[in-house]
Each structure stands twice: as structure tokens, then as C-alpha cells.
Amino acid sequence: MRSALGCVALGVLLLLVAGTFDAEPLYVTGSALILLGGGALLWIGAGARGASVSRELTARSVTEGEPLTVRVEVRAGRLPLPPGFVREPLLPEPAPLPAGRRSLKFRVDASFERRGRRMLAPPSLVLR
């Protein structure tokens, strides 16, 4: 989202410079950057509408050291998903989300070394 806004801001700046110094080639570049940034903003906004991420645990409880299998599913709304990533607390780093997909499923195998109750934060979907 920030890069799309930066693209629009750069386009506006180029249009201002083109108008100030009467540099006609900068009008084309500035206009193209504004259209590109605006299109990216629209795609991210429309692609995020209706998108969801869900997590399914294979077991309600596990014993110490036993693996727990977690299935994570990302679903798009009406439009394909823009690029981004899924933040899952059980993963060491976010899982990348390729652009243009309608759904993505992946599995995480986790184990806990210490006993006790664990509260897992919900997975989150970050679109860029």
C-alpha cells in the first residue's frame, strides 16, 4: 500500500516539475506513474475485500514433544489475491502469497517442548 501511494506521489511531483520547467516528456511519465499507483491501490483494495484466512488444528490437545499438524487456508473474494504474505505464529517467518491465486493451502507441523496451555494468536493476511 505504501509503495502504491509513493508511486502516486512521485507522479504528482513529476507533473509539478513538468509544469514548472515546461518539460513535456515528464508529463507522460508523471501521468503513467499516477495511473500505475492508482491501479495498484484499486487492485489491493478490491482483492482484499472478501479475502479470508483460516486455521484448522488436527488435535485439540497434544502431549509434550508430540507433533501438531496445522492446516492454513487462504481464500480470495471476488477477485484474485494481490501479492502478500500470511503471518502464522507457528512459522519462523511469514509464508509468501503469490499474486493471482484464488486460494492457497499449506501445512505446518509444530511441537511444543514444555507442558502447559498455549494460546495461539490467529493467522493474519497481509496484502501489498
Protein backbone atom coordinates (compact mmCIF):
# COMPACT_ATOMS: atom_id res chain seq x y z
CA MET A 1 0.00 0.00 0.00
CA ARG A 2 2.81 2.40 0.86
CA SER A 3 4.64 1.72 -2.39
CA ALA A 4 1.48 2.42 -4.41
CA LEU A 5 0.98 5.71 -2.57
CA GLY A 6 4.65 6.53 -3.14
CA CYS A 7 4.20 5.87 -6.85
CA VAL A 8 1.23 8.25 -6.97
CA ALA A 9 3.16 10.89 -5.00
CA LEU A 10 6.12 10.61 -7.38
CA GLY A 11 3.78 11.00 -10.34
CA VAL A 12 2.28 14.16 -8.85
CA LEU A 13 5.78 15.51 -8.17
CA LEU A 14 6.83 14.84 -11.77
CA LEU A 15 3.73 16.64 -13.05
CA LEU A 16 4.58 19.64 -10.86
CA VAL A 17 8.17 19.66 -12.13
CA ALA A 18 6.96 19.31 -15.72
CA GLY A 19 4.62 22.27 -15.29
CA THR A 20 7.25 24.38 -13.56
CA PHE A 21 10.05 23.81 -16.08
CA ASP A 22 7.87 23.18 -19.15
CA ALA A 23 9.39 19.72 -19.60
CA GLU A 24 6.85 17.92 -21.78
CA PRO A 25 8.33 14.38 -21.51
CA LEU A 26 7.76 14.46 -17.74
CA TYR A 27 4.00 14.85 -18.25
CA VAL A 28 3.82 11.37 -19.78
CA THR A 29 5.96 9.80 -17.06
CA GLY A 30 4.08 11.54 -14.24
CA SER A 31 0.69 10.55 -15.66
CA ALA A 32 1.82 6.94 -16.10
CA LEU A 33 3.04 6.75 -12.50
CA ILE A 34 -0.25 8.16 -11.20
CA LEU A 35 -2.23 5.60 -13.23
CA LEU A 36 0.05 2.75 -12.15
CA GLY A 37 -0.14 3.67 -8.46
CA GLY A 38 -3.90 4.22 -8.62
CA GLY A 39 -4.42 0.88 -10.35
CA ALA A 40 -2.33 -0.87 -7.70
CA LEU A 41 -4.36 0.77 -4.93
CA LEU A 42 -7.62 -0.32 -6.55
CA TRP A 43 -6.41 -3.91 -7.05
CA ILE A 44 -5.21 -4.24 -3.46
CA GLY A 45 -8.43 -2.76 -2.10
CA ALA A 46 -10.70 -4.87 -4.30
CA GLY A 47 -8.61 -8.02 -3.79
CA ALA A 48 -8.70 -7.64 -0.02
CA ARG A 49 -12.49 -7.41 0.05
CA GLY A 50 -13.82 -10.84 0.95
CA ALA A 51 -10.38 -12.43 1.41
CA SER A 52 -10.05 -14.68 4.45
CA VAL A 53 -7.55 -16.88 6.23
CA SER A 54 -8.48 -19.83 8.42
CA ARG A 55 -6.57 -22.34 10.53
CA GLU A 56 -7.56 -25.92 11.34
CA LEU A 57 -5.88 -27.91 14.11
CA THR A 58 -5.71 -31.70 13.81
CA ALA A 59 -5.87 -32.19 17.58
CA ARG A 60 -7.34 -30.19 20.43
CA SER A 61 -4.51 -31.14 22.76
CA VAL A 62 -1.10 -32.77 22.35
CA THR A 63 1.39 -34.19 24.79
CA GLU A 64 4.87 -32.81 25.33
CA GLY A 65 7.06 -33.22 22.22
CA GLU A 66 4.26 -34.69 20.08
CA PRO A 67 3.82 -33.01 16.67
CA LEU A 68 0.73 -30.93 15.98
CA THR A 69 -0.35 -30.56 12.37
CA VAL A 70 -1.99 -27.27 11.46
CA ARG A 71 -3.65 -26.59 8.11
CA VAL A 72 -3.91 -22.98 6.97
CA GLU A 73 -6.15 -21.95 4.08
CA VAL A 74 -6.31 -18.56 2.37
CA ARG A 75 -9.32 -17.79 0.17
CA ALA A 76 -9.86 -14.87 -2.17
CA GLY A 77 -13.01 -12.82 -2.53
CA ARG A 78 -14.39 -11.97 -5.96
CA LEU A 79 -11.02 -11.01 -7.43
CA PRO A 80 -7.73 -12.95 -7.31
CA LEU A 81 -5.44 -12.09 -4.42
CA PRO A 82 -2.77 -9.41 -4.82
CA PRO A 83 0.74 -10.33 -3.64
CA GLY A 84 1.37 -10.51 0.08
CA PHE A 85 2.07 -12.98 2.85
CA VAL A 86 0.43 -14.93 5.66
CA ARG A 87 1.60 -14.39 9.23
CA GLU A 88 1.21 -17.61 11.15
CA PRO A 89 2.59 -17.60 14.73
CA LEU A 90 3.80 -21.20 14.38
CA LEU A 91 6.02 -20.37 11.37
CA PRO A 92 9.50 -18.88 11.85
CA GLU A 93 8.84 -16.36 9.05
CA PRO A 94 5.75 -15.28 7.08
CA ALA A 95 4.60 -17.53 4.23
CA PRO A 96 4.66 -15.75 0.84
CA LEU A 97 1.41 -15.41 -1.07
CA PRO A 98 1.84 -15.35 -4.86
CA ALA A 99 -0.29 -12.90 -6.84
CA GLY A 100 -3.26 -14.00 -8.90
CA ARG A 101 -4.26 -17.07 -6.88
CA ARG A 102 -7.80 -17.81 -5.74
CA SER A 103 -6.75 -19.99 -2.81
CA LEU A 104 -3.66 -21.26 -1.06
CA LYS A 105 -3.36 -24.16 1.37
CA PHE A 106 -0.32 -25.13 3.38
CA ARG A 107 0.51 -27.31 6.35
CA VAL A 108 2.57 -26.51 9.42
CA ASP A 109 4.00 -29.16 11.75
CA ALA A 110 4.75 -27.81 15.21
CA SER A 111 5.74 -29.33 18.51
CA PHE A 112 5.95 -27.83 21.96
CA GLU A 113 8.77 -28.81 24.32
CA ARG A 114 7.20 -27.64 27.56
CA ARG A 115 3.94 -28.61 29.11
CA GLY A 116 1.18 -26.13 29.66
CA ARG A 117 -1.58 -24.36 27.89
CA ARG A 118 -0.70 -22.37 24.76
CA MET A 119 -2.79 -19.58 23.36
CA LEU A 120 -2.18 -19.29 19.62
CA ALA A 121 -2.71 -15.91 18.01
CA PRO A 122 -4.87 -16.09 14.88
CA PRO A 123 -3.16 -16.08 11.48
CA SER A 124 -3.28 -12.83 9.55
CA LEU A 125 -3.26 -11.97 5.87
CA VAL A 126 -1.11 -9.03 4.70
CA LEU A 127 -1.68 -7.85 1.12
CA ARG A 128 0.68 -5.42 -0.59
